[in-house]
Amino acid sequence: MAAENSSFLTEFILAGLTDQPGVQIPLFFLFLGFYVVTVVGNLGLITLIGLNSHLHTPMYFFLYNLSFIDFCYSSVITPKMLMSFVSKKNSISYAGCMTQLFFFLFFVVSESFILSAMAYDRYVAICNPLSYTVTMSPQVCLLLLLGVYGMGFAGAMAHTACMMGVTFCANNLVNHYMCDILPLLERACTSTYVNELVVFVVVGIDIGVPTVTIFISYALILSSILHIRSTEGRSKAFSTCSSHIIAVSLFFGSGAFMYLKPSSILPMNQGKVSSLFYTTLVPMLNPLIYSLRNKDVKVALKKILNKNAFS
């Protein structure tokens, strides 16, 4: 048979990041190091925020969840990628592939909306500081978080359900190191017009809505900052937003570059390199960005280290 229905396909073969034998072991240790830094950084930030009562504010509530999301979606992708460097046949079952696709999309979409929630939090803190505690009450923060994970679930379900209806060819070699939308669609034997339409619509929403929210928030923040007369006040306001701006630029820049360009413009081999930014580097860099550029986090970390040293 030239093709077989996806429901009868038992496994996919993941091509991995590269097929050059000489670089497999060095890449294994490189990405293992990245993963260790990601796990230690994100779990460390989660623990630090959880233990320090001074960090129990809306800003750090969202940062806590950002670290949780980064840890989870890195763990969905990186261990399987590490196996591709040391395994002769890097296979994944059909069910495993769809599961990886779902959770990867769930956490990535959730990250895009948690970043927009963080931008809104900064807008309220800088533009309406007197009403901050009322506007960003625990109930409001919880509702925003439910919206974040709700959008993540909806986006992941839409893509995964469409993918499970695809008819795949007998050649089950996926030119990627993970089960992602575009590489899987390359293995389809029937028209993928509906799937591609879903990609552009859903990804457009999942990138567009948070991006518009972030741009509006920072436009209002910038307007408010320009009305601050003191240089010290302006500097303090900018410093509270700088870490978030860097994280947003890294995440949305690499995501849009990967998904919102036609495959003819972005070949899959280049797409694999691009996807490394938001699957590996962004989860690793976020805790470093937020800890190294944040005075509250550094002070809380010093207190815990000093307390342990004293004990």
Protein backbone atom coordinates (compact mmCIF):
# COMPACT_ATOMS: atom_id res chain seq x y z
CA MET A 1 0.00 0.00 0.00
CA ALA A 2 1.27 3.49 -0.84
CA ALA A 3 -0.38 4.86 2.22
CA GLU A 4 -1.96 3.68 5.38
CA ASN A 5 -4.42 5.36 7.70
CA SER A 6 -2.90 7.04 10.72
CA SER A 7 -5.00 4.86 13.03
CA PHE A 8 -3.04 1.79 11.82
CA LEU A 9 0.38 3.44 11.94
CA THR A 10 2.23 2.02 14.93
CA GLU A 11 5.30 4.26 15.11
CA PHE A 12 7.31 7.12 13.65
CA ILE A 13 11.08 7.33 13.22
CA LEU A 14 12.52 10.67 14.33
CA ALA A 15 15.48 11.76 12.19
CA GLY A 16 16.93 13.81 15.04
CA LEU A 17 18.79 17.11 14.90
CA THR A 18 21.58 15.86 12.61
CA ASP A 19 22.68 12.67 10.87
CA GLN A 20 26.43 13.35 11.18
CA PRO A 21 27.93 10.62 13.46
CA GLY A 22 30.93 12.71 14.50
CA VAL A 23 28.88 15.35 16.30
CA GLN A 24 26.27 13.14 17.99
CA ILE A 25 28.14 12.62 21.28
CA PRO A 26 29.29 16.26 21.64
CA LEU A 27 25.72 17.40 20.95
CA PHE A 28 24.41 14.91 23.52
CA PHE A 29 26.55 16.39 26.28
CA LEU A 30 25.86 19.97 25.11
CA PHE A 31 22.07 19.56 25.26
CA LEU A 32 22.30 17.48 28.43
CA GLY A 33 24.07 20.46 29.99
CA PHE A 34 21.35 22.80 28.69
CA TYR A 35 18.67 20.53 30.16
CA VAL A 36 20.37 20.34 33.57
CA VAL A 37 20.61 24.16 33.67
CA THR A 38 16.93 24.38 32.63
CA VAL A 39 15.76 21.97 35.33
CA VAL A 40 17.92 23.47 38.10
CA GLY A 41 17.09 27.06 37.10
CA ASN A 42 13.32 26.63 36.83
CA LEU A 43 12.88 24.34 39.83
CA GLY A 44 15.19 26.62 41.81
CA LEU A 45 13.08 29.67 40.94
CA ILE A 46 9.86 27.78 41.78
CA THR A 47 11.32 26.78 45.15
CA LEU A 48 12.65 30.28 45.88
CA ILE A 49 9.28 31.92 45.17
CA GLY A 50 7.45 29.26 47.17
CA LEU A 51 9.67 29.62 50.25
CA ASN A 52 9.98 33.42 50.36
CA SER A 53 6.84 35.20 51.58
CA HIS A 54 8.10 38.55 50.19
CA LEU A 55 7.74 37.09 46.68
CA HIS A 56 4.08 36.10 47.16
CA THR A 57 2.82 38.86 44.86
CA PRO A 58 0.97 38.73 41.50
CA MET A 59 4.18 39.34 39.54
CA TYR A 60 5.93 36.36 41.12
CA PHE A 61 2.76 34.27 41.01
CA PHE A 62 2.92 34.49 37.21
CA LEU A 63 6.71 34.02 37.21
CA TYR A 64 6.20 30.87 39.32
CA ASN A 65 3.85 29.50 36.66
CA LEU A 66 6.18 30.57 33.83
CA SER A 67 8.98 28.53 35.41
CA PHE A 68 6.62 25.57 35.83
CA ILE A 69 5.61 25.77 32.16
CA ASP A 70 9.23 26.09 30.99
CA PHE A 71 10.28 23.08 33.07
CA CYS A 72 7.38 20.97 31.77
CA TYR A 73 7.64 21.65 28.06
CA SER A 74 11.41 21.31 28.10
CA SER A 75 10.93 17.91 29.77
CA VAL A 76 8.42 16.91 27.09
CA ILE A 77 10.99 17.51 24.32
CA THR A 78 14.61 17.32 25.52
CA PRO A 79 14.85 13.73 26.93
CA LYS A 80 13.60 12.29 23.61
CA MET A 81 15.99 14.53 21.70
CA LEU A 82 18.89 13.30 23.86
CA MET A 83 17.97 9.72 22.96
CA SER A 84 18.29 10.55 19.26
CA PHE A 85 22.00 11.30 19.77
CA VAL A 86 22.78 7.85 21.25
CA SER A 87 20.18 5.56 19.60
CA LYS A 88 20.61 3.94 16.20
CA LYS A 89 16.84 3.89 15.64
CA ASN A 90 15.05 6.71 17.40
CA SER A 91 11.45 5.51 17.17
CA ILE A 92 8.33 6.78 18.93
CA SER A 93 4.94 5.09 18.96
CA TYR A 94 1.99 6.74 17.25
CA ALA A 95 0.27 7.26 20.61
CA GLY A 96 3.52 8.57 22.11
CA CYS A 97 3.96 10.99 19.21
CA MET A 98 0.44 12.39 19.54
CA THR A 99 0.91 12.66 23.33
CA GLN A 100 4.18 14.54 22.92
CA LEU A 101 2.56 16.83 20.33
CA PHE A 102 -0.38 17.60 22.63
CA PHE A 103 1.67 18.42 25.74
CA PHE A 104 4.27 20.37 23.77
CA LEU A 105 1.54 22.54 22.23
CA PHE A 106 -0.32 22.85 25.55
CA PHE A 107 2.72 24.26 27.35
CA VAL A 108 3.92 26.44 24.45
CA VAL A 109 0.50 28.08 23.99
CA SER A 110 0.20 28.48 27.76
CA GLU A 111 3.58 30.24 27.79
CA SER A 112 2.46 32.76 25.18
CA PHE A 113 -0.57 33.70 27.29
CA ILE A 114 1.27 33.71 30.64
CA LEU A 115 3.66 36.26 29.11
CA SER A 116 0.70 38.44 28.13
CA ALA A 117 -0.73 38.12 31.66
CA MET A 118 2.64 39.25 33.02
CA ALA A 119 2.57 42.27 30.68
CA TYR A 120 -0.89 43.21 31.97
CA ASP A 121 0.38 42.88 35.54
CA ARG A 122 3.24 45.29 34.78
CA TYR A 123 0.80 47.71 33.15
CA VAL A 124 -1.40 47.81 36.27
CA ALA A 125 1.64 48.10 38.59
CA ILE A 126 3.12 51.08 36.72
CA CYS A 127 0.05 52.87 35.33
CA ASN A 128 -2.40 52.28 38.20
CA PRO A 129 -0.24 51.62 41.28
CA LEU A 130 -2.84 52.84 43.79
CA SER A 131 -5.42 50.29 42.64
CA TYR A 132 -2.88 47.49 42.03
CA THR A 133 -3.81 45.29 45.00
CA VAL A 134 -7.50 45.51 44.12
CA THR A 135 -7.11 45.08 40.35
CA MET A 136 -4.64 42.19 40.69
CA SER A 137 -6.42 40.45 43.57
CA PRO A 138 -5.86 36.71 44.14
CA GLN A 139 -9.22 35.99 42.48
CA VAL A 140 -8.27 37.99 39.36
CA CYS A 141 -4.84 36.29 39.18
CA LEU A 142 -6.50 32.87 39.44
CA LEU A 143 -8.98 33.72 36.67
CA LEU A 144 -6.13 34.92 34.44
CA LEU A 145 -4.24 31.71 35.13
CA LEU A 146 -7.31 29.60 34.28
CA GLY A 147 -7.57 31.55 31.02
CA VAL A 148 -3.90 30.86 30.29
CA TYR A 149 -4.23 27.10 30.73
CA GLY A 150 -7.65 27.08 29.05
CA MET A 151 -6.20 28.63 25.89
CA GLY A 152 -3.30 26.17 26.07
CA PHE A 153 -5.71 23.23 26.24
CA ALA A 154 -7.91 24.57 23.41
CA GLY A 155 -4.94 25.17 21.09
CA ALA A 156 -3.38 21.78 21.81
CA MET A 157 -6.70 19.97 21.29
CA ALA A 158 -7.36 21.73 17.97
CA HIS A 159 -3.98 20.79 16.49
CA THR A 160 -3.84 17.26 17.92
CA ALA A 161 -7.40 16.38 16.85
CA CYS A 162 -6.67 17.56 13.29
CA MET A 163 -3.40 15.61 13.24
CA MET A 164 -5.12 12.40 14.34
CA GLY A 165 -7.34 12.66 11.27
CA VAL A 166 -4.38 12.79 8.86
CA THR A 167 -3.59 9.83 6.57
CA PHE A 168 0.15 9.17 6.69
CA CYS A 169 2.33 7.55 4.03
CA ALA A 170 4.14 4.25 4.55
CA ASN A 171 7.39 6.23 4.92
CA ASN A 172 7.18 7.16 8.60
CA LEU A 173 10.53 9.01 8.87
CA VAL A 174 9.89 12.41 10.47
CA ASN A 175 12.57 14.96 9.64
CA HIS A 176 12.76 16.43 13.14
CA TYR A 177 13.90 15.65 16.68
CA MET A 178 10.32 15.78 18.01
CA CYS A 179 6.71 15.33 16.93
CA ASP A 180 5.84 18.81 15.71
CA ILE A 181 3.02 19.95 13.42
CA LEU A 182 4.87 20.85 10.22
CA PRO A 183 7.28 17.86 10.12
CA LEU A 184 4.35 15.44 10.65
CA LEU A 185 2.33 17.09 7.87
CA GLU A 186 5.24 16.41 5.50
CA ARG A 187 4.48 12.68 5.92
CA ALA A 188 0.82 13.08 4.94
CA CYS A 189 -0.45 11.35 1.78
CA THR A 190 -3.66 13.34 1.48
CA SER A 191 -4.39 17.06 1.32
CA THR A 192 -3.27 18.96 4.40
CA TYR A 193 -5.12 22.16 3.50
CA VAL A 194 -7.39 21.99 6.56
CA ASN A 195 -4.44 21.31 8.89
CA GLU A 196 -2.44 24.19 7.43
CA LEU A 197 -5.47 26.46 7.78
CA VAL A 198 -5.81 25.43 11.43
CA VAL A 199 -2.10 26.14 11.94
CA PHE A 200 -2.36 29.68 10.56
CA VAL A 201 -5.64 30.45 12.36
CA VAL A 202 -4.85 28.90 15.77
CA VAL A 203 -1.16 29.92 15.80
CA GLY A 204 -2.24 33.37 14.58
CA ILE A 205 -4.58 33.64 17.58
CA ASP A 206 -2.07 32.15 20.03
CA ILE A 207 0.63 34.55 18.90
CA GLY A 208 -1.55 37.47 17.76
CA VAL A 209 -3.72 37.94 20.86
CA PRO A 210 -0.82 37.85 23.38
CA THR A 211 1.30 40.05 21.09
CA VAL A 212 -1.44 42.70 20.79
CA THR A 213 -2.01 42.55 24.57
CA ILE A 214 1.72 42.96 25.23
CA PHE A 215 2.12 45.81 22.72
CA ILE A 216 -0.88 47.72 24.13
CA SER A 217 0.34 47.16 27.70
CA TYR A 218 3.83 48.43 26.92
CA ALA A 219 2.55 51.37 24.86
CA LEU A 220 0.56 52.50 27.90
CA ILE A 221 3.53 51.74 30.18
CA LEU A 222 5.85 53.82 27.97
CA SER A 223 3.38 56.69 27.95
CA SER A 224 3.17 56.54 31.74
CA ILE A 225 6.96 56.35 32.15
CA LEU A 226 7.49 59.42 29.95
CA HIS A 227 5.31 61.40 32.36
CA ILE A 228 7.57 60.49 35.30
CA ARG A 229 9.74 63.52 36.02
CA SER A 230 12.55 61.93 38.03
CA THR A 231 15.30 60.00 36.24
CA GLU A 232 15.42 57.51 39.10
CA GLY A 233 11.69 56.82 38.77
CA ARG A 234 11.98 56.23 35.03
CA SER A 235 14.97 53.94 35.50
CA LYS A 236 13.14 51.89 38.14
CA ALA A 237 10.05 51.55 35.94
CA PHE A 238 12.12 50.44 32.95
CA SER A 239 14.09 47.93 35.04
CA THR A 240 10.91 46.18 36.20
CA CYS A 241 9.94 45.55 32.56
CA SER A 242 13.32 44.78 30.96
CA SER A 243 13.43 41.08 31.91
CA HIS A 244 9.93 40.51 30.59
CA ILE A 245 10.68 42.32 27.31
CA ILE A 246 13.74 40.10 26.72
CA ALA A 247 11.75 36.91 27.45
CA VAL A 248 8.90 38.01 25.16
CA SER A 249 11.28 38.86 22.30
CA LEU A 250 13.05 35.48 22.47
CA PHE A 251 9.87 33.42 22.68
CA PHE A 252 7.60 35.16 20.17
CA GLY A 253 10.41 35.91 17.72
CA SER A 254 11.48 32.28 17.36
CA GLY A 255 7.87 30.97 17.39
CA ALA A 256 6.65 33.33 14.66
CA PHE A 257 9.74 32.63 12.55
CA MET A 258 9.02 28.89 12.71
CA TYR A 259 5.24 28.72 12.23
CA LEU A 260 4.15 31.81 10.32
CA LYS A 261 6.43 31.31 7.30
CA PRO A 262 5.66 28.95 4.40
CA SER A 263 7.81 25.80 4.26
CA SER A 264 9.17 26.90 0.87
CA ILE A 265 10.77 29.92 2.57
CA LEU A 266 11.94 28.04 5.66
CA PRO A 267 13.32 24.54 4.84
CA MET A 268 12.78 21.92 7.57
CA ASN A 269 16.49 21.64 8.41
CA GLN A 270 16.54 25.38 9.18
CA GLY A 271 13.23 24.95 10.99
CA LYS A 272 14.85 22.42 13.33
CA VAL A 273 17.52 24.94 14.26
CA SER A 274 14.90 27.67 14.73
CA SER A 275 12.78 25.44 16.95
CA LEU A 276 15.78 24.90 19.25
CA PHE A 277 15.34 28.49 20.44
CA TYR A 278 11.89 28.02 21.96
CA THR A 279 12.20 24.34 22.92
CA THR A 280 15.67 24.44 24.51
CA LEU A 281 17.18 27.91 24.86
CA VAL A 282 14.13 29.91 25.99
CA PRO A 283 13.27 27.57 28.93
CA MET A 284 16.93 27.65 29.96
CA LEU A 285 17.38 31.43 29.66
CA ASN A 286 14.13 32.58 31.31
CA PRO A 287 15.12 31.75 34.92
CA LEU A 288 18.57 33.28 34.30
CA ILE A 289 17.03 36.46 32.85
CA TYR A 290 14.54 36.85 35.70
CA SER A 291 17.02 36.04 38.46
CA LEU A 292 20.11 37.92 37.26
CA ARG A 293 18.15 41.08 36.35
CA ASN A 294 15.77 41.07 39.33
CA LYS A 295 16.79 42.61 42.66
CA ASP A 296 13.99 40.94 44.66
CA VAL A 297 14.99 37.48 43.46
CA LYS A 298 18.69 38.13 44.17
CA VAL A 299 17.91 39.43 47.66
CA ALA A 300 15.67 36.41 48.41
CA LEU A 301 18.37 34.04 47.14
CA LYS A 302 21.04 35.71 49.31
CA LYS A 303 18.80 35.42 52.38
CA ILE A 304 18.28 31.69 51.84
CA LEU A 305 21.99 31.10 51.16
CA ASN A 306 22.99 33.12 54.24
CA LYS A 307 20.43 31.27 56.37
CA ASN A 308 21.78 27.91 55.20
CA ALA A 309 25.38 29.03 55.73
CA PHE A 310 24.52 30.24 59.27
CA SER A 311 22.75 26.97 60.06
